[in-house]
PDB file of N, CA and C in Angstrom:
ATOM      1  N   MET A   1     103.507 140.184  98.987  1.00  0.00           N
ATOM      2  CA  MET A   1     103.709 138.590  99.477  1.00  0.00           C
ATOM      3  C   MET A   1     104.976 138.261  99.290  1.00  0.00           C
ATOM      4  N   SER A   2     105.147 137.467  99.736  1.00  0.00           N
ATOM      5  CA  SER A   2     106.354 136.109 100.125  1.00  0.00           C
ATOM      6  C   SER A   2     106.761 136.204  98.497  1.00  0.00           C
ATOM      7  N   PRO A   3     108.207 135.878  97.984  1.00  0.00           N
ATOM      8  CA  PRO A   3     108.739 135.928  96.974  1.00  0.00           C
ATOM      9  C   PRO A   3     108.451 133.976  96.770  1.00  0.00           C
ATOM     10  N   PHE A   4     108.492 133.399  97.768  1.00  0.00           N
ATOM     11  CA  PHE A   4     108.392 131.883  97.310  1.00  0.00           C
ATOM     12  C   PHE A   4     106.589 131.935  97.142  1.00  0.00           C
ATOM     13  N   VAL A   5     105.900 132.400  97.526  1.00  0.00           N
ATOM     14  CA  VAL A   5     104.449 132.256  97.336  1.00  0.00           C
ATOM     15  C   VAL A   5     104.519 133.014  96.032  1.00  0.00           C
ATOM     16  N   ARG A   6     104.950 133.866  95.323  1.00  0.00           N
ATOM     17  CA  ARG A   6     104.487 134.450  94.240  1.00  0.00           C
ATOM     18  C   ARG A   6     105.060 133.715  93.456  1.00  0.00           C
ATOM     19  N   TYR A   7     106.558 133.026  93.636  1.00  0.00           N
ATOM     20  CA  TYR A   7     106.833 132.325  92.307  1.00  0.00           C
ATOM     21  C   TYR A   7     106.174 130.843  92.448  1.00  0.00           C
ATOM     22  N   ALA A   8     106.154 130.849  93.481  1.00  0.00           N
ATOM     23  CA  ALA A   8     104.891 129.287  93.264  1.00  0.00           C
ATOM     24  C   ALA A   8     104.045 129.018  92.414  1.00  0.00           C
ATOM     25  N   LEU A   9     102.820 130.570  92.946  1.00  0.00           N
ATOM     26  CA  LEU A   9     101.779 130.410  92.205  1.00  0.00           C
ATOM     27  C   LEU A   9     101.960 130.844  90.895  1.00  0.00           C
ATOM     28  N   MET A  10     102.754 132.068  90.123  1.00  0.00           N
ATOM     29  CA  MET A  10     103.737 131.874  88.978  1.00  0.00           C
ATOM     30  C   MET A  10     103.469 130.402  88.104  1.00  0.00           C
ATOM     31  N   ARG A  11     104.390 129.793  88.716  1.00  0.00           N
ATOM     32  CA  ARG A  11     104.614 128.222  88.415  1.00  0.00           C
ATOM     33  C   ARG A  11     103.581 127.567  88.204  1.00  0.00           C
ATOM     34  N   ILE A  12     102.601 127.624  89.196  1.00  0.00           N
ATOM     35  CA  ILE A  12     101.145 126.714  89.206  1.00  0.00           C
ATOM     36  C   ILE A  12     100.356 127.355  88.440  1.00  0.00           C
ATOM     37  N   LEU A  13     100.785 128.927  87.795  1.00  0.00           N
ATOM     38  CA  LEU A  13      99.511 129.747  86.740  1.00  0.00           C
ATOM     39  C   LEU A  13     100.093 128.901  85.222  1.00  0.00           C
ATOM     40  N   LEU A  14     101.416 128.971  85.210  1.00  0.00           N
ATOM     41  CA  LEU A  14     101.911 128.523  83.985  1.00  0.00           C
ATOM     42  C   LEU A  14     101.224 126.979  83.810  1.00  0.00           C
ATOM     43  N   PHE A  15     101.326 126.439  84.698  1.00  0.00           N
ATOM     44  CA  PHE A  15     101.327 124.520  84.530  1.00  0.00           C
ATOM     45  C   PHE A  15     100.109 124.405  83.804  1.00  0.00           C
ATOM     46  N   PHE A  16      99.092 125.513  85.093  1.00  0.00           N
ATOM     47  CA  PHE A  16      97.746 125.272  83.698  1.00  0.00           C
ATOM     48  C   PHE A  16      97.394 126.109  82.694  1.00  0.00           C
ATOM     49  N   LEU A  17      98.032 126.956  82.474  1.00  0.00           N
ATOM     50  CA  LEU A  17      97.977 127.368  81.128  1.00  0.00           C
ATOM     51  C   LEU A  17      98.229 126.539  80.320  1.00  0.00           C
ATOM     52  N   VAL A  18      99.595 126.302  80.335  1.00  0.00           N
ATOM     53  CA  VAL A  18     100.046 124.898  79.062  1.00  0.00           C
ATOM     54  C   VAL A  18      99.278 123.859  78.947  1.00  0.00           C
ATOM     55  N   ALA A  19      98.967 123.348  80.203  1.00  0.00           N
ATOM     56  CA  ALA A  19      97.448 122.277  80.526  1.00  0.00           C
ATOM     57  C   ALA A  19      96.227 122.416  79.537  1.00  0.00           C
ATOM     58  N   LEU A  20      95.973 123.959  79.531  1.00  0.00           N
ATOM     59  CA  LEU A  20      94.586 124.153  79.127  1.00  0.00           C
ATOM     60  C   LEU A  20      94.949 124.439  77.503  1.00  0.00           C
ATOM     61  N   LEU A  21      96.362 124.556  76.854  1.00  0.00           N
ATOM     62  CA  LEU A  21      96.838 124.872  75.393  1.00  0.00           C
ATOM     63  C   LEU A  21      96.582 123.404  75.440  1.00  0.00           C
ATOM     64  N   GLY A  22      97.353 122.406  76.000  1.00  0.00           N
ATOM     65  CA  GLY A  22      97.377 121.191  75.209  1.00  0.00           C
ATOM     66  C   GLY A  22      95.562 120.465  75.499  1.00  0.00           C
ATOM     67  N   TYR A  23      95.377 120.578  76.587  1.00  0.00           N
ATOM     68  CA  TYR A  23      93.490 120.488  75.971  1.00  0.00           C
ATOM     69  C   TYR A  23      92.982 120.830  74.740  1.00  0.00           C
ATOM     70  N   ALA A  24      93.260 122.122  74.584  1.00  0.00           N
ATOM     71  CA  ALA A  24      92.551 122.483  73.652  1.00  0.00           C
ATOM     72  C   ALA A  24      93.343 122.109  71.879  1.00  0.00           C
ATOM     73  N   VAL A  25      93.826 121.462  72.179  1.00  0.00           N
ATOM     74  CA  VAL A  25      94.335 121.119  70.974  1.00  0.00           C
ATOM     75  C   VAL A  25      94.176 119.473  71.099  1.00  0.00           C
ATOM     76  N   GLY A  26      93.797 118.823  72.297  1.00  0.00           N
ATOM     77  CA  GLY A  26      93.254 117.266  71.656  1.00  0.00           C
ATOM     78  C   GLY A  26      93.942 116.671  72.144  1.00  0.00           C
ATOM     79  N   MET A  27      94.557 117.053  73.359  1.00  0.00           N
ATOM     80  CA  MET A  27      96.061 116.235  74.462  1.00  0.00           C
ATOM     81  C   MET A  27      94.706 115.752  75.158  1.00  0.00           C
ATOM     82  N   ARG A  28      94.964 114.449  75.957  1.00  0.00           N
ATOM     83  CA  ARG A  28      94.144 113.781  77.324  1.00  0.00           C
ATOM     84  C   ARG A  28      94.967 113.215  78.062  1.00  0.00           C
ATOM     85  N   GLU A  29      94.216 112.734  78.975  1.00  0.00           N
ATOM     86  CA  GLU A  29      95.570 112.361  79.889  1.00  0.00           C
ATOM     87  C   GLU A  29      96.857 112.350  80.302  1.00  0.00           C
ATOM     88  N   LEU A  30      97.406 111.177  80.117  1.00  0.00           N
ATOM     89  CA  LEU A  30      99.151 111.056  80.612  1.00  0.00           C
ATOM     90  C   LEU A  30      99.812 112.010  79.627  1.00  0.00           C
ATOM     91  N   LEU A  31      99.143 112.484  78.552  1.00  0.00           N
ATOM     92  CA  LEU A  31      99.777 113.019  77.586  1.00  0.00           C
ATOM     93  C   LEU A  31      99.600 114.265  77.631  1.00  0.00           C
ATOM     94  N   LEU A  32      98.674 114.781  78.238  1.00  0.00           N
ATOM     95  CA  LEU A  32      98.309 116.003  78.325  1.00  0.00           C
ATOM     96  C   LEU A  32      99.441 116.317  79.783  1.00  0.00           C
ATOM     97  N   VAL A  33      99.275 115.442  80.911  1.00  0.00           N
ATOM     98  CA  VAL A  33      99.803 115.975  82.321  1.00  0.00           C
ATOM     99  C   VAL A  33     101.713 116.143  82.404  1.00  0.00           C
ATOM    100  N   VAL A  34     101.883 115.442  80.782  1.00  0.00           N
ATOM    101  CA  VAL A  34     103.519 114.967  80.995  1.00  0.00           C
ATOM    102  C   VAL A  34     104.070 116.543  79.911  1.00  0.00           C
ATOM    103  N   PHE A  35     103.131 116.893  79.005  1.00  0.00           N
ATOM    104  CA  PHE A  35     103.192 117.811  78.048  1.00  0.00           C
ATOM    105  C   PHE A  35     103.028 118.955  78.967  1.00  0.00           C
ATOM    106  N   ALA A  36     102.416 119.531  79.664  1.00  0.00           N
ATOM    107  CA  ALA A  36     101.985 120.358  80.611  1.00  0.00           C
ATOM    108  C   ALA A  36     103.569 120.752  82.123  1.00  0.00           C
ATOM    109  N   LEU A  37     103.476 119.170  82.374  1.00  0.00           N
ATOM    110  CA  LEU A  37     105.021 119.351  83.073  1.00  0.00           C
ATOM    111  C   LEU A  37     106.549 119.908  82.537  1.00  0.00           C
ATOM    112  N   VAL A  38     106.490 119.310  81.387  1.00  0.00           N
ATOM    113  CA  VAL A  38     107.424 119.340  80.862  1.00  0.00           C
ATOM    114  C   VAL A  38     107.865 121.136  80.155  1.00  0.00           C
ATOM    115  N   VAL A  39     106.914 121.449  79.163  1.00  0.00           N
ATOM    116  CA  VAL A  39     106.671 122.529  78.642  1.00  0.00           C
ATOM    117  C   VAL A  39     106.599 123.964  80.254  1.00  0.00           C
ATOM    118  N   SER A  40     106.236 123.853  80.729  1.00  0.00           N
ATOM    119  CA  SER A  40     105.750 125.124  81.930  1.00  0.00           C
ATOM    120  C   SER A  40     107.081 125.173  82.425  1.00  0.00           C
ATOM    121  N   ALA A  41     107.868 123.520  83.034  1.00  0.00           N
ATOM    122  CA  ALA A  41     109.025 124.151  83.664  1.00  0.00           C
ATOM    123  C   ALA A  41     110.083 124.766  82.698  1.00  0.00           C
ATOM    124  N   LEU A  42     110.437 124.556  81.518  1.00  0.00           N
ATOM    125  CA  LEU A  42     110.813 125.399  80.120  1.00  0.00           C
ATOM    126  C   LEU A  42     110.513 126.060  80.274  1.00  0.00           C
ATOM    127  N   LEU A  43     109.472 126.926  80.198  1.00  0.00           N
ATOM    128  CA  LEU A  43     108.800 127.918  80.221  1.00  0.00           C
ATOM    129  C   LEU A  43     109.258 128.563  81.288  1.00  0.00           C
ATOM    130  N   SER A  44     108.838 128.588  82.619  1.00  0.00           N
ATOM    131  CA  SER A  44     109.098 128.669  83.607  1.00  0.00           C
ATOM    132  C   SER A  44     110.837 129.497  83.788  1.00  0.00           C
ATOM    133  N   TYR A  45     112.281 128.338  83.637  1.00  0.00           N
ATOM    134  CA  TYR A  45     113.268 128.607  83.207  1.00  0.00           C
ATOM    135  C   TYR A  45     113.366 130.028  82.805  1.00  0.00           C
ATOM    136  N   LEU A  46     112.817 130.154  81.558  1.00  0.00           N
ATOM    137  CA  LEU A  46     112.633 130.897  80.552  1.00  0.00           C
ATOM    138  C   LEU A  46     111.984 132.466  81.087  1.00  0.00           C
ATOM    139  N   VAL A  47     110.716 132.417  81.666  1.00  0.00           N
ATOM    140  CA  VAL A  47     109.997 133.423  81.846  1.00  0.00           C
ATOM    141  C   VAL A  47     110.315 133.594  83.351  1.00  0.00           C
ATOM    142  N   LEU A  48     110.585 133.142  84.421  1.00  0.00           N
ATOM    143  CA  LEU A  48     110.452 133.247  85.521  1.00  0.00           C
ATOM    144  C   LEU A  48     111.834 133.242  86.082  1.00  0.00           C
ATOM    145  N   GLY A  49     112.538 134.229  85.052  1.00  0.00           N
ATOM    146  CA  GLY A  49     113.983 134.769  85.857  1.00  0.00           C
ATOM    147  C   GLY A  49     114.203 135.279  86.932  1.00  0.00           C
ATOM    148  N   GLY A  50     113.347 136.825  86.970  1.00  0.00           N
ATOM    149  CA  GLY A  50     113.107 137.575  87.997  1.00  0.00           C
ATOM    150  C   GLY A  50     112.643 137.196  89.546  1.00  0.00           C
ATOM    151  N   PRO A  51     111.245 136.714  89.399  1.00  0.00           N
ATOM    152  CA  PRO A  51     110.578 136.243  90.521  1.00  0.00           C
ATOM    153  C   PRO A  51     112.425 135.116  91.278  1.00  0.00           C
ATOM    154  N   ARG A  52     112.076 134.104  90.371  1.00  0.00           N
ATOM    155  CA  ARG A  52     113.374 133.304  90.686  1.00  0.00           C
ATOM    156  C   ARG A  52     114.543 134.299  91.470  1.00  0.00           C
ATOM    157  N   ARG A  53     114.933 134.833  91.088  1.00  0.00           N
ATOM    158  CA  ARG A  53     116.284 135.476  91.519  1.00  0.00           C
ATOM    159  C   ARG A  53     115.781 136.481  92.756  1.00  0.00           C
ATOM    160  N   ALA A  54     114.388 136.803  93.082  1.00  0.00           N
ATOM    161  CA  ALA A  54     114.121 137.908  94.263  1.00  0.00           C
ATOM    162  C   ALA A  54     113.834 136.777  95.202  1.00  0.00           C
ATOM    163  N   LEU A  55     113.492 135.043  94.941  1.00  0.00           N
ATOM    164  CA  LEU A  55     113.180 134.071  95.875  1.00  0.00           C
ATOM    165  C   LEU A  55     115.008 134.012  96.199  1.00  0.00           C
ATOM    166  N   VAL A  56     116.197 133.672  95.522  1.00  0.00           N
ATOM    167  CA  VAL A  56     116.900 133.248  95.847  1.00  0.00           C
ATOM    168  C   VAL A  56     117.588 134.186  96.643  1.00  0.00           C
ATOM    169  N   GLU A  57     117.219 135.553  96.077  1.00  0.00           N
ATOM    170  CA  GLU A  57     117.507 136.840  97.302  1.00  0.00           C
ATOM    171  C   GLU A  57     117.334 136.691  98.697  1.00  0.00           C
ATOM    172  N   ARG A  58     116.190 136.597  98.870  1.00  0.00           N
ATOM    173  CA  ARG A  58     115.738 136.381  99.998  1.00  0.00           C
ATOM    174  C   ARG A  58     116.003 135.249 100.784  1.00  0.00           C
ATOM    175  N   LEU A  59     116.070 134.429 100.019  1.00  0.00           N
ATOM    176  CA  LEU A  59     116.918 133.013 100.842  1.00  0.00           C
ATOM    177  C   LEU A  59     118.217 132.946 101.476  1.00  0.00           C
ATOM    178  N   GLU A  60     119.067 133.630 100.206  1.00  0.00           N
ATOM    179  CA  GLU A  60     120.178 134.163 101.302  1.00  0.00           C
ATOM    180  C   GLU A  60     120.133 135.283 102.625  1.00  0.00           C
ATOM    181  N   GLN A  61     119.749 136.129 102.205  1.00  0.00           N
ATOM    182  CA  GLN A  61     119.518 136.993 103.119  1.00  0.00           C
ATOM    183  C   GLN A  61     119.038 136.424 104.193  1.00  0.00           C
ATOM    184  N   ARG A  62     117.636 135.677 104.726  1.00  0.00           N
ATOM    185  CA  ARG A  62     117.547 134.836 105.402  1.00  0.00           C
ATOM    186  C   ARG A  62     118.871 134.083 106.457  1.00  0.00           C
ATOM    187  N   THR A  63     119.237 133.216 105.110  1.00  0.00           N
ATOM    188  CA  THR A  63     120.352 132.146 105.891  1.00  0.00           C
ATOM    189  C   THR A  63     121.588 133.215 106.281  1.00  0.00           C
ATOM    190  N   ALA A  64     121.873 134.253 106.019  1.00  0.00           N
ATOM    191  CA  ALA A  64     122.904 135.111 106.406  1.00  0.00           C
ATOM    192  C   ALA A  64     122.870 135.686 107.671  1.00  0.00           C
ATOM    193  N   ALA A  65     121.681 135.926 107.645  1.00  0.00           N
ATOM    194  CA  ALA A  65     120.581 136.352 108.939  1.00  0.00           C
ATOM    195  C   ALA A  65     120.877 135.672 110.490  1.00  0.00           C
ATOM    196  N   ARG A  66     120.684 134.323 109.799  1.00  0.00           N
ATOM    197  CA  ARG A  66     120.519 133.358 110.738  1.00  0.00           C
ATOM    198  C   ARG A  66     121.950 132.743 111.208  1.00  0.00           C
ATOM    199  N   HIS A  67     123.132 132.673 110.404  1.00  0.00           N
ATOM    200  CA  HIS A  67     124.295 132.517 110.585  1.00  0.00           C
ATOM    201  C   HIS A  67     124.703 133.632 111.344  1.00  0.00           C
ATOM    202  N   GLU A  68     124.673 134.524 111.386  1.00  0.00           N
ATOM    203  CA  GLU A  68     124.760 136.073 112.183  1.00  0.00           C
ATOM    204  C   GLU A  68     124.514 135.978 113.490  1.00  0.00           C
ATOM    205  N   ARG A  69     122.882 135.465 113.646  1.00  0.00           N
ATOM    206  CA  ARG A  69     122.668 135.063 114.896  1.00  0.00           C
ATOM    207  C   ARG A  69     122.995 134.223 115.669  1.00  0.00           C
ATOM    208  N   ALA A  70     123.492 132.937 115.143  1.00  0.00           N
ATOM    209  CA  ALA A  70     124.444 131.935 115.591  1.00  0.00           C
ATOM    210  C   ALA A  70     125.415 132.350 116.017  1.00  0.00           C
ATOM    211  N   ALA A  71     126.653 133.234 115.644  1.00  0.00           N
ATOM    212  CA  ALA A  71     127.518 133.625 115.802  1.00  0.00           C
ATOM    213  C   ALA A  71     127.669 134.577 116.873  1.00  0.00           C
ATOM    214  N   ALA A  72     126.576 135.372 117.050  1.00  0.00           N
ATOM    215  CA  ALA A  72     126.416 136.241 118.013  1.00  0.00           C
ATOM    216  C   ALA A  72     126.070 135.652 119.182  1.00  0.00           C
ATOM    217  N   ARG A  73     125.109 134.542 118.967  1.00  0.00           N
ATOM    218  CA  ARG A  73     124.840 133.295 120.471  1.00  0.00           C
ATOM    219  C   ARG A  73     126.309 132.569 120.939  1.00  0.00           C
ATOM    220  N   GLU A  74     126.922 132.259 119.686  1.00  0.00           N
ATOM    221  CA  GLU A  74     127.933 131.751 120.457  1.00  0.00           C
ATOM    222  C   GLU A  74     129.311 132.333 120.828  1.00  0.00           C
ATOM    223  N   ALA A  75     129.254 133.754 120.459  1.00  0.00           N
ATOM    224  CA  ALA A  75     130.405 135.172 121.157  1.00  0.00           C
ATOM    225  C   ALA A  75     129.806 135.226 122.385  1.00  0.00           C
ATOM    226  N   ALA A  76     128.393 135.342 122.068  1.00  0.00           N
ATOM    227  CA  ALA A  76     127.728 136.094 124.091  1.00  0.00           C
ATOM    228  C   ALA A  76     128.360 134.466 124.638  1.00  0.00           C
ATOM    229  N   GLY A  77     128.378 133.263 124.480  1.00  0.00           N
ATOM    230  CA  GLY A  77     128.395 132.214 125.095  1.00  0.00           C
ATOM    231  C   GLY A  77     129.793 131.972 125.567  1.00  0.00           C
ATOM    232  N   ARG A  78     130.618 132.710 124.440  1.00  0.00           N
ATOM    233  CA  ARG A  78     132.082 132.832 125.161  1.00  0.00           C
ATOM    234  C   ARG A  78     132.637 134.098 126.091  1.00  0.00           C
ATOM    235  N   ARG A  79     132.181 134.413 126.081  1.00  0.00           N
ATOM    236  CA  ARG A  79     132.345 135.922 126.781  1.00  0.00           C
ATOM    237  C   ARG A  79     131.217 135.413 128.709  1.00  0.00           C
ATOM    238  N   SER A  80     130.585 134.464 128.132  1.00  0.00           N
ATOM    239  CA  SER A  80     129.877 134.495 129.788  1.00  0.00           C
ATOM    240  C   SER A  80     130.567 133.577 130.088  1.00  0.00           C
ATOM    241  N   GLY A  81     131.376 132.669 129.707  1.00  0.00           N
ATOM    242  CA  GLY A  81     132.007 131.542 130.227  1.00  0.00           C
ATOM    243  C   GLY A  81     131.384 130.138 129.896  1.00  0.00           C
ATOM    244  N   ARG A  82     129.839 130.573 129.304  1.00  0.00           N
ATOM    245  CA  ARG A  82     129.379 129.185 128.979  1.00  0.00           C
ATOM    246  C   ARG A  82     129.704 128.259 127.945  1.00  0.00           C
ATOM    247  N   VAL A  83     129.906 126.826 127.839  1.00  0.00           N
ATOM    248  CA  VAL A  83     129.860 126.331 126.772  1.00  0.00           C
ATOM    249  C   VAL A  83     128.643 125.003 125.980  1.00  0.00           C
ATOM    250  N   SER A  84     128.620 125.368 124.757  1.00  0.00           N
ATOM    251  CA  SER A  84     127.739 124.945 124.313  1.00  0.00           C
ATOM    252  C   SER A  84     127.613 123.521 124.293  1.00  0.00           C
ATOM    253  N   ALA A  85     126.723 122.621 123.771  1.00  0.00           N
ATOM    254  CA  ALA A  85     126.634 121.681 124.118  1.00  0.00           C
ATOM    255  C   ALA A  85     127.349 120.963 123.127  1.00  0.00           C
ATOM    256  N   ALA A  86     127.350 121.602 122.080  1.00  0.00           N
ATOM    257  CA  ALA A  86     128.568 120.938 120.872  1.00  0.00           C
ATOM    258  C   ALA A  86     129.825 121.050 121.197  1.00  0.00           C
ATOM    259  N   GLU A  87     129.864 122.118 121.986  1.00  0.00           N
ATOM    260  CA  GLU A  87     131.635 121.983 122.147  1.00  0.00           C
ATOM    261  C   GLU A  87     131.707 120.892 123.658  1.00  0.00           C
ATOM    262  N   ARG A  88     130.914 120.897 124.105  1.00  0.00           N
ATOM    263  CA  ARG A  88     130.668 119.347 125.204  1.00  0.00           C
ATOM    264  C   ARG A  88     131.309 118.282 124.629  1.00  0.00           C
ATOM    265  N   ASP A  89     130.178 117.842 123.624  1.00  0.00           N
ATOM    266  CA  ASP A  89     130.641 116.523 122.790  1.00  0.00           C
ATOM    267  C   ASP A  89     132.119 117.104 121.902  1.00  0.00           C
ATOM    268  N   ALA A  90     132.018 117.915 121.629  1.00  0.00           N
ATOM    269  CA  ALA A  90     133.802 117.931 121.131  1.00  0.00           C
ATOM    270  C   ALA A  90     134.711 117.696 121.627  1.00  0.00           C
ATOM    271  N   ALA A  91     134.305 118.062 122.952  1.00  0.00           N
ATOM    272  CA  ALA A  91     135.725 117.933 123.935  1.00  0.00           C
ATOM    273  C   ALA A  91     135.694 116.267 124.338  1.00  0.00           C
ATOM    274  N   ALA A  92     134.345 116.143 124.271  1.00  0.00           N
ATOM    275  CA  ALA A  92     134.665 114.475 124.962  1.00  0.00           C
ATOM    276  C   ALA A  92     134.952 113.453 123.948  1.00  0.00           C
ATOM    277  N   GLU A  93     134.738 113.925 122.969  1.00  0.00           N
ATOM    278  CA  GLU A  93     134.801 113.106 121.754  1.00  0.00           C
ATOM    279  C   GLU A  93     137.000 112.936 121.169  1.00  0.00           C
ATOM    280  N   ASP A  94     137.033 114.337 121.685  1.00  0.00           N
ATOM    281  CA  ASP A  94     138.838 114.043 121.160  1.00  0.00           C
ATOM    282  C   ASP A  94     139.206 113.679 122.495  1.00  0.00           C
ATOM    283  N   ALA A  95     138.503 113.739 123.741  1.00  0.00           N
ATOM    284  CA  ALA A  95     138.943 113.137 125.011  1.00  0.00           C
ATOM    285  C   ALA A  95     139.181 111.610 124.452  1.00  0.00           C
ATOM    286  N   ASP A  96     137.937 110.854 124.626  1.00  0.00           N
ATOM    287  CA  ASP A  96     138.117 109.567 123.988  1.00  0.00           C
ATOM    288  C   ASP A  96     138.767 109.074 122.701  1.00  0.00           C
ATOM    289  N   ASP A  97     139.294 109.836 121.940  1.00  0.00           N
ATOM    290  CA  ASP A  97     139.887 109.523 120.676  1.00  0.00           C
ATOM    291  C   ASP A  97     141.402 109.831 121.039  1.00  0.00           C
ATOM    292  N   ASP A  98     142.025 110.780 122.594  1.00  0.00           N
ATOM    293  CA  ASP A  98     143.279 111.070 122.755  1.00  0.00           C
ATOM    294  C   ASP A  98     143.324 109.660 123.882  1.00  0.00           C
ATOM    295  N   ALA A  99     142.546 109.201 123.799  1.00  0.00           N
ATOM    296  CA  ALA A  99     142.689 108.219 124.968  1.00  0.00           C
ATOM    297  C   ALA A  99     142.827 106.682 124.735  1.00  0.00           C
ATOM    298  N   GLN A 100     142.177 106.427 123.405  1.00  0.00           N
ATOM    299  CA  GLN A 100     142.145 105.200 122.421  1.00  0.00           C
ATOM    300  C   GLN A 100     143.661 105.279 121.663  1.00  0.00           C
ATOM    301  N   ARG A 101     144.606 106.245 121.657  1.00  0.00           N
ATOM    302  CA  ARG A 101     145.874 106.913 120.736  1.00  0.00           C
ATOM    303  C   ARG A 101     146.608 106.329 121.887  1.00  0.00           C
ATOM    304  N   ARG A 102     146.446 106.984 123.202  1.00  0.00           N
ATOM    305  CA  ARG A 102     147.405 106.305 124.166  1.00  0.00           C
ATOM    306  C   ARG A 102     148.284 105.106 124.308  1.00  0.00           C
ATOM    307  N   PRO A 103     149.484 105.006 123.990  1.00  0.00           N
ATOM    308  CA  PRO A 103     150.409 103.353 123.688  1.00  0.00           C
ATOM    309  C   PRO A 103     149.796 103.001 125.068  1.00  0.00           C
ATOM    310  N   ARG A 104     149.828 102.135 125.560  1.00  0.00           N
ATOM    311  CA  ARG A 104     149.631 100.805 126.607  1.00  0.00           C
ATOM    312  C   ARG A 104     150.521 100.423 126.904  1.00  0.00           C
TER     313      ARG A 104
END
C-alpha cells in the first residue's frame, strides 16, 4: 500500500475514533466536529510519526528521481544540439533586454 494512502487512512480512522469518543461522552454537532478535528490532529502528530516519515521519504525519492530524469533529458538535448523551449525563451528575453538597454 502506498505510504500516502496508508497515512491518509490512519488519519481518517483516528478522526472517526476521536469523534466516536466525543459522541460517547455527549458532544453533538459543531462541538463534536471541532473537538474531533483538533484532538485527532494533535494525536496524529504524536502517534503517526513513523508513517509520516515514510510518506516524506517516498516523496523525496520521487522528487529526486524526477529531477534526475529532467537533468538527463536536458543533457541529452545538449549533446544532440537541440535547444529546449525554455532555453529559446530565455535567449529571446535576453536579446530583448539587451536591445532595450543599448544607447540610442
